[in-house]
PDB file of all heavy atoms in Angstrom:
ATOM      1  N   GLY A   1      15.643   9.020   6.338  1.00  0.00           N
ATOM      2  CA  GLY A   1      14.555   8.163   5.749  1.00  0.00           C
ATOM      3  C   GLY A   1      15.071   6.969   5.235  1.00  0.00           C
ATOM      4  O   GLY A   1      16.225   6.782   4.666  1.00  0.00           O
ATOM      5  N   VAL A   2      14.244   5.902   5.399  1.00  0.00           N
ATOM      6  CA  VAL A   2      14.567   4.575   4.977  1.00  0.00           C
ATOM      7  C   VAL A   2      13.411   3.862   4.273  1.00  0.00           C
ATOM      8  O   VAL A   2      12.244   4.117   4.665  1.00  0.00           O
ATOM      9  CB  VAL A   2      14.877   3.608   6.204  1.00  0.00           C
ATOM     10  CG1 VAL A   2      15.396   2.230   5.719  1.00  0.00           C
ATOM     11  CG2 VAL A   2      15.977   4.281   7.048  1.00  0.00           C
ATOM     12  N   TYR A   3      13.674   3.230   3.150  1.00  0.00           N
ATOM     13  CA  TYR A   3      12.670   2.461   2.329  1.00  0.00           C
ATOM     14  C   TYR A   3      12.791   1.046   2.850  1.00  0.00           C
ATOM     15  O   TYR A   3      13.857   0.393   2.790  1.00  0.00           O
ATOM     16  CB  TYR A   3      12.851   2.572   0.834  1.00  0.00           C
ATOM     17  CG  TYR A   3      12.398   3.792   0.284  1.00  0.00           C
ATOM     18  CD1 TYR A   3      13.320   4.928   0.133  1.00  0.00           C
ATOM     19  CD2 TYR A   3      11.180   4.081  -0.222  1.00  0.00           C
ATOM     20  CE1 TYR A   3      12.923   6.046  -0.632  1.00  0.00           C
ATOM     21  CE2 TYR A   3      10.747   5.158  -0.815  1.00  0.00           C
ATOM     22  CZ  TYR A   3      11.702   6.145  -1.038  1.00  0.00           C
ATOM     23  OH  TYR A   3      11.236   7.371  -1.510  1.00  0.00           O
ATOM     24  N   VAL A   4      11.675   0.483   3.342  1.00  0.00           N
ATOM     25  CA  VAL A   4      11.555  -0.858   3.803  1.00  0.00           C
ATOM     26  C   VAL A   4      10.641  -1.650   2.999  1.00  0.00           C
ATOM     27  O   VAL A   4       9.439  -1.329   2.903  1.00  0.00           O
ATOM     28  CB  VAL A   4      11.309  -0.998   5.317  1.00  0.00           C
ATOM     29  CG1 VAL A   4      11.234  -2.405   5.738  1.00  0.00           C
ATOM     30  CG2 VAL A   4      12.205  -0.027   6.033  1.00  0.00           C
ATOM     31  N   LYS A   5      11.211  -2.654   2.266  1.00  0.00           N
ATOM     32  CA  LYS A   5      10.257  -3.501   1.552  1.00  0.00           C
ATOM     33  C   LYS A   5       9.854  -4.709   2.296  1.00  0.00           C
ATOM     34  O   LYS A   5      10.796  -5.495   2.766  1.00  0.00           O
ATOM     35  CB  LYS A   5      10.866  -3.905   0.245  1.00  0.00           C
ATOM     36  CG  LYS A   5       9.956  -4.757  -0.751  1.00  0.00           C
ATOM     37  CD  LYS A   5      10.736  -5.060  -2.077  1.00  0.00           C
ATOM     38  CE  LYS A   5      10.959  -3.802  -3.005  1.00  0.00           C
ATOM     39  NZ  LYS A   5      11.509  -4.148  -4.276  1.00  0.00           N
ATOM     40  N   VAL A   6       8.598  -5.067   2.287  1.00  0.00           N
ATOM     41  CA  VAL A   6       7.979  -6.136   3.096  1.00  0.00           C
ATOM     42  C   VAL A   6       7.266  -7.039   2.266  1.00  0.00           C
ATOM     43  O   VAL A   6       6.571  -6.626   1.360  1.00  0.00           O
ATOM     44  CB  VAL A   6       7.241  -5.695   4.343  1.00  0.00           C
ATOM     45  CG1 VAL A   6       6.706  -6.871   5.071  1.00  0.00           C
ATOM     46  CG2 VAL A   6       8.067  -4.784   5.290  1.00  0.00           C
ATOM     47  N   GLY A   7       7.436  -8.409   2.364  1.00  0.00           N
ATOM     48  CA  GLY A   7       6.737  -9.287   1.443  1.00  0.00           C
ATOM     49  C   GLY A   7       5.804 -10.205   2.252  1.00  0.00           C
ATOM     50  O   GLY A   7       6.074 -10.540   3.305  1.00  0.00           O
ATOM     51  N   SER A   8       4.893 -10.741   1.586  1.00  0.00           N
ATOM     52  CA  SER A   8       3.992 -11.749   2.054  1.00  0.00           C
ATOM     53  C   SER A   8       3.408 -12.567   0.952  1.00  0.00           C
ATOM     54  O   SER A   8       3.327 -12.185  -0.275  1.00  0.00           O
ATOM     55  CB  SER A   8       2.729 -11.094   2.873  1.00  0.00           C
ATOM     56  OG  SER A   8       1.749 -11.982   3.238  1.00  0.00           O
ATOM     57  N   HIS A   9       2.807 -13.745   1.351  1.00  0.00           N
ATOM     58  CA  HIS A   9       2.268 -14.669   0.245  1.00  0.00           C
ATOM     59  C   HIS A   9       0.757 -14.425   0.235  1.00  0.00           C
ATOM     60  O   HIS A   9       0.109 -15.035  -0.599  1.00  0.00           O
ATOM     61  CB  HIS A   9       2.550 -16.198   0.610  1.00  0.00           C
ATOM     62  CG  HIS A   9       3.915 -16.540   0.364  1.00  0.00           C
ATOM     63  ND1 HIS A   9       4.429 -16.937  -0.827  1.00  0.00           N
ATOM     64  CD2 HIS A   9       5.049 -16.529   1.233  1.00  0.00           C
ATOM     65  CE1 HIS A   9       5.681 -17.164  -0.698  1.00  0.00           C
ATOM     66  NE2 HIS A   9       6.118 -17.045   0.452  1.00  0.00           N
ATOM     67  N   GLY A  10       0.280 -13.553   1.137  1.00  0.00           N
ATOM     68  CA  GLY A  10      -1.104 -13.249   1.110  1.00  0.00           C
ATOM     69  C   GLY A  10      -1.381 -11.847   0.436  1.00  0.00           C
ATOM     70  O   GLY A  10      -0.533 -11.017   0.287  1.00  0.00           O
ATOM     71  N   THR A  11      -2.672 -11.661  -0.088  1.00  0.00           N
ATOM     72  CA  THR A  11      -2.959 -10.395  -0.734  1.00  0.00           C
ATOM     73  C   THR A  11      -2.885  -9.189   0.150  1.00  0.00           C
ATOM     74  O   THR A  11      -2.970  -9.325   1.430  1.00  0.00           O
ATOM     75  CB  THR A  11      -4.378 -10.476  -1.341  1.00  0.00           C
ATOM     76  OG1 THR A  11      -4.549  -9.282  -2.120  1.00  0.00           O
ATOM     77  CG2 THR A  11      -5.407 -10.681  -0.334  1.00  0.00           C
ATOM     78  N   PHE A  12      -2.984  -7.963  -0.412  1.00  0.00           N
ATOM     79  CA  PHE A  12      -3.059  -6.734   0.447  1.00  0.00           C
ATOM     80  C   PHE A  12      -4.272  -6.537   1.205  1.00  0.00           C
ATOM     81  O   PHE A  12      -5.293  -6.984   0.632  1.00  0.00           O
ATOM     82  CB  PHE A  12      -2.607  -5.585  -0.501  1.00  0.00           C
ATOM     83  CG  PHE A  12      -1.334  -5.745  -1.263  1.00  0.00           C
ATOM     84  CD1 PHE A  12      -1.411  -5.905  -2.590  1.00  0.00           C
ATOM     85  CD2 PHE A  12      -0.169  -5.698  -0.553  1.00  0.00           C
ATOM     86  CE1 PHE A  12      -0.184  -5.968  -3.306  1.00  0.00           C
ATOM     87  CE2 PHE A  12       1.023  -5.753  -1.294  1.00  0.00           C
ATOM     88  CZ  PHE A  12       0.997  -5.985  -2.735  1.00  0.00           C
ATOM     89  N   SER A  13      -4.280  -5.982   2.225  1.00  0.00           N
ATOM     90  CA  SER A  13      -5.441  -5.645   2.982  1.00  0.00           C
ATOM     91  C   SER A  13      -6.256  -4.415   2.345  1.00  0.00           C
ATOM     92  O   SER A  13      -5.571  -3.696   1.638  1.00  0.00           O
ATOM     93  CB  SER A  13      -5.017  -5.282   4.485  1.00  0.00           C
ATOM     94  OG  SER A  13      -4.309  -4.081   4.463  1.00  0.00           O
ATOM     95  N   PRO A  14      -7.427  -4.267   2.713  1.00  0.00           N
ATOM     96  CA  PRO A  14      -8.194  -3.151   2.113  1.00  0.00           C
ATOM     97  C   PRO A  14      -7.566  -1.850   2.537  1.00  0.00           C
ATOM     98  O   PRO A  14      -7.698  -0.992   1.774  1.00  0.00           O
ATOM     99  CB  PRO A  14      -9.527  -3.361   2.651  1.00  0.00           C
ATOM    100  CG  PRO A  14      -9.680  -4.813   2.935  1.00  0.00           C
ATOM    101  CD  PRO A  14      -8.322  -5.246   3.399  1.00  0.00           C
ATOM    102  N   CYS A  15      -7.021  -1.857   3.688  1.00  0.00           N
ATOM    103  CA  CYS A  15      -6.448  -0.534   4.226  1.00  0.00           C
ATOM    104  C   CYS A  15      -5.170  -0.185   3.228  1.00  0.00           C
ATOM    105  O   CYS A  15      -5.067   1.009   2.837  1.00  0.00           O
ATOM    106  CB  CYS A  15      -5.717  -0.780   5.579  1.00  0.00           C
ATOM    107  SG  CYS A  15      -4.907   0.594   6.310  1.00  0.00           S
ATOM    108  N   LEU A  16      -4.291  -1.094   3.022  1.00  0.00           N
ATOM    109  CA  LEU A  16      -3.157  -0.790   2.077  1.00  0.00           C
ATOM    110  C   LEU A  16      -3.618  -0.541   0.703  1.00  0.00           C
ATOM    111  O   LEU A  16      -3.122   0.466   0.018  1.00  0.00           O
ATOM    112  CB  LEU A  16      -2.173  -1.903   2.065  1.00  0.00           C
ATOM    113  CG  LEU A  16      -1.462  -2.208   3.332  1.00  0.00           C
ATOM    114  CD1 LEU A  16      -0.503  -3.472   3.274  1.00  0.00           C
ATOM    115  CD2 LEU A  16      -0.590  -1.141   3.802  1.00  0.00           C
ATOM    116  N   ALA A  17      -4.523  -1.166   0.136  1.00  0.00           N
ATOM    117  CA  ALA A  17      -5.169  -0.922  -1.120  1.00  0.00           C
ATOM    118  C   ALA A  17      -5.877   0.433  -1.263  1.00  0.00           C
ATOM    119  O   ALA A  17      -5.636   1.170  -2.215  1.00  0.00           O
ATOM    120  CB  ALA A  17      -6.241  -2.071  -1.544  1.00  0.00           C
ATOM    121  N   SER A  18      -6.424   0.873  -0.277  1.00  0.00           N
ATOM    122  CA  SER A  18      -7.070   2.213  -0.274  1.00  0.00           C
ATOM    123  C   SER A  18      -5.969   3.275  -0.208  1.00  0.00           C
ATOM    124  O   SER A  18      -6.013   4.259  -0.798  1.00  0.00           O
ATOM    125  CB  SER A  18      -8.025   2.409   0.855  1.00  0.00           C
ATOM    126  OG  SER A  18      -7.403   2.363   2.185  1.00  0.00           O
ATOM    127  N   ALA A  19      -4.905   2.983   0.538  1.00  0.00           N
ATOM    128  CA  ALA A  19      -3.746   3.978   0.683  1.00  0.00           C
ATOM    129  C   ALA A  19      -3.065   4.152  -0.624  1.00  0.00           C
ATOM    130  O   ALA A  19      -2.476   5.127  -0.879  1.00  0.00           O
ATOM    131  CB  ALA A  19      -2.868   3.514   1.726  1.00  0.00           C
ATOM    132  N   ALA A  20      -3.016   3.206  -1.520  1.00  0.00           N
ATOM    133  CA  ALA A  20      -2.198   3.166  -2.675  1.00  0.00           C
ATOM    134  C   ALA A  20      -3.213   3.362  -3.819  1.00  0.00           C
ATOM    135  O   ALA A  20      -2.713   3.124  -5.059  1.00  0.00           O
ATOM    136  CB  ALA A  20      -1.440   1.843  -2.861  1.00  0.00           C
ATOM    137  N   SER A  21      -4.407   3.655  -3.590  1.00  0.00           N
ATOM    138  CA  SER A  21      -5.362   3.828  -4.719  1.00  0.00           C
ATOM    139  C   SER A  21      -5.139   5.102  -5.442  1.00  0.00           C
ATOM    140  O   SER A  21      -4.483   6.049  -5.061  1.00  0.00           O
ATOM    141  CB  SER A  21      -6.834   3.875  -4.205  1.00  0.00           C
ATOM    142  OG  SER A  21      -7.056   4.905  -3.214  1.00  0.00           O
ATOM    143  N   PRO A  22      -5.742   5.310  -6.732  1.00  0.00           N
ATOM    144  CA  PRO A  22      -5.603   6.608  -7.440  1.00  0.00           C
ATOM    145  C   PRO A  22      -6.178   7.621  -6.758  1.00  0.00           C
ATOM    146  O   PRO A  22      -5.701   8.851  -6.841  1.00  0.00           O
ATOM    147  CB  PRO A  22      -6.301   6.207  -8.851  1.00  0.00           C
ATOM    148  CG  PRO A  22      -6.254   4.739  -8.925  1.00  0.00           C
ATOM    149  CD  PRO A  22      -6.388   4.088  -7.554  1.00  0.00           C
ATOM    150  N   GLN A  23      -7.315   7.569  -6.033  1.00  0.00           N
ATOM    151  CA  GLN A  23      -7.825   8.459  -5.250  1.00  0.00           C
ATOM    152  C   GLN A  23      -6.865   9.077  -4.122  1.00  0.00           C
ATOM    153  O   GLN A  23      -6.647  10.231  -3.992  1.00  0.00           O
ATOM    154  CB  GLN A  23      -9.225   8.176  -4.444  1.00  0.00           C
ATOM    155  CG  GLN A  23     -10.298   7.841  -5.515  1.00  0.00           C
ATOM    156  CD  GLN A  23     -10.136   6.333  -6.075  1.00  0.00           C
ATOM    157  OE1 GLN A  23      -9.247   5.692  -5.753  1.00  0.00           O
ATOM    158  NE2 GLN A  23     -11.055   6.153  -6.935  1.00  0.00           N
ATOM    159  N   SER A  24      -6.111   8.148  -3.582  1.00  0.00           N
ATOM    160  CA  SER A  24      -5.022   8.591  -2.661  1.00  0.00           C
ATOM    161  C   SER A  24      -3.932   9.384  -3.177  1.00  0.00           C
ATOM    162  O   SER A  24      -3.423  10.355  -2.713  1.00  0.00           O
ATOM    163  CB  SER A  24      -4.607   7.383  -1.765  1.00  0.00           C
ATOM    164  OG  SER A  24      -5.581   6.907  -0.957  1.00  0.00           O
ATOM    165  N   ARG A  25      -3.540   8.921  -4.497  1.00  0.00           N
ATOM    166  CA  ARG A  25      -2.493   9.545  -5.098  1.00  0.00           C
ATOM    167  C   ARG A  25      -2.899  10.989  -5.569  1.00  0.00           C
ATOM    168  O   ARG A  25      -2.102  11.867  -5.468  1.00  0.00           O
ATOM    169  CB  ARG A  25      -2.165   8.749  -6.406  1.00  0.00           C
ATOM    170  CG  ARG A  25      -1.666   7.373  -6.210  1.00  0.00           C
ATOM    171  CD  ARG A  25      -0.373   7.203  -5.410  1.00  0.00           C
ATOM    172  NE  ARG A  25      -0.001   5.993  -5.201  1.00  0.00           N
ATOM    173  CZ  ARG A  25       1.048   5.505  -4.448  1.00  0.00           C
ATOM    174  NH1 ARG A  25       1.616   6.524  -3.688  1.00  0.00           N
ATOM    175  NH2 ARG A  25       1.460   4.255  -4.292  1.00  0.00           N
ATOM    176  N   PHE A  26      -4.221  11.152  -5.878  1.00  0.00           N
ATOM    177  CA  PHE A  26      -4.594  12.474  -6.268  1.00  0.00           C
ATOM    178  C   PHE A  26      -4.639  13.287  -5.042  1.00  0.00           C
ATOM    179  O   PHE A  26      -4.295  14.431  -5.136  1.00  0.00           O
ATOM    180  CB  PHE A  26      -6.115  12.363  -6.785  1.00  0.00           C
ATOM    181  CG  PHE A  26      -6.650  13.588  -7.157  1.00  0.00           C
ATOM    182  CD1 PHE A  26      -6.249  14.319  -8.323  1.00  0.00           C
ATOM    183  CD2 PHE A  26      -7.642  14.153  -6.411  1.00  0.00           C
ATOM    184  CE1 PHE A  26      -6.817  15.666  -8.589  1.00  0.00           C
ATOM    185  CE2 PHE A  26      -8.340  15.397  -6.819  1.00  0.00           C
ATOM    186  CZ  PHE A  26      -7.756  16.150  -7.890  1.00  0.00           C
ATOM    187  N   ARG A  27      -5.014  12.866  -3.896  1.00  0.00           N
ATOM    188  CA  ARG A  27      -5.136  13.560  -2.646  1.00  0.00           C
ATOM    189  C   ARG A  27      -3.576  14.017  -2.372  1.00  0.00           C
ATOM    190  O   ARG A  27      -3.288  15.125  -1.778  1.00  0.00           O
ATOM    191  CB  ARG A  27      -5.642  12.843  -1.505  1.00  0.00           C
ATOM    192  CG  ARG A  27      -7.177  12.707  -1.706  1.00  0.00           C
ATOM    193  CD  ARG A  27      -7.703  11.811  -0.494  1.00  0.00           C
ATOM    194  NE  ARG A  27      -7.445  12.356   0.804  1.00  0.00           N
ATOM    195  CZ  ARG A  27      -8.404  13.106   1.386  1.00  0.00           C
ATOM    196  NH1 ARG A  27      -9.454  13.501   0.839  1.00  0.00           N
ATOM    197  NH2 ARG A  27      -8.083  13.571   2.565  1.00  0.00           N
TER     198      ARG A  27
END
């Protein structure tokens, strides 16, 4: 397994925001 950190000057997409939301953490 590998942790890959990616950076951008633009905000996160709704897809990434939903994947890291508290609801996703609960699931």
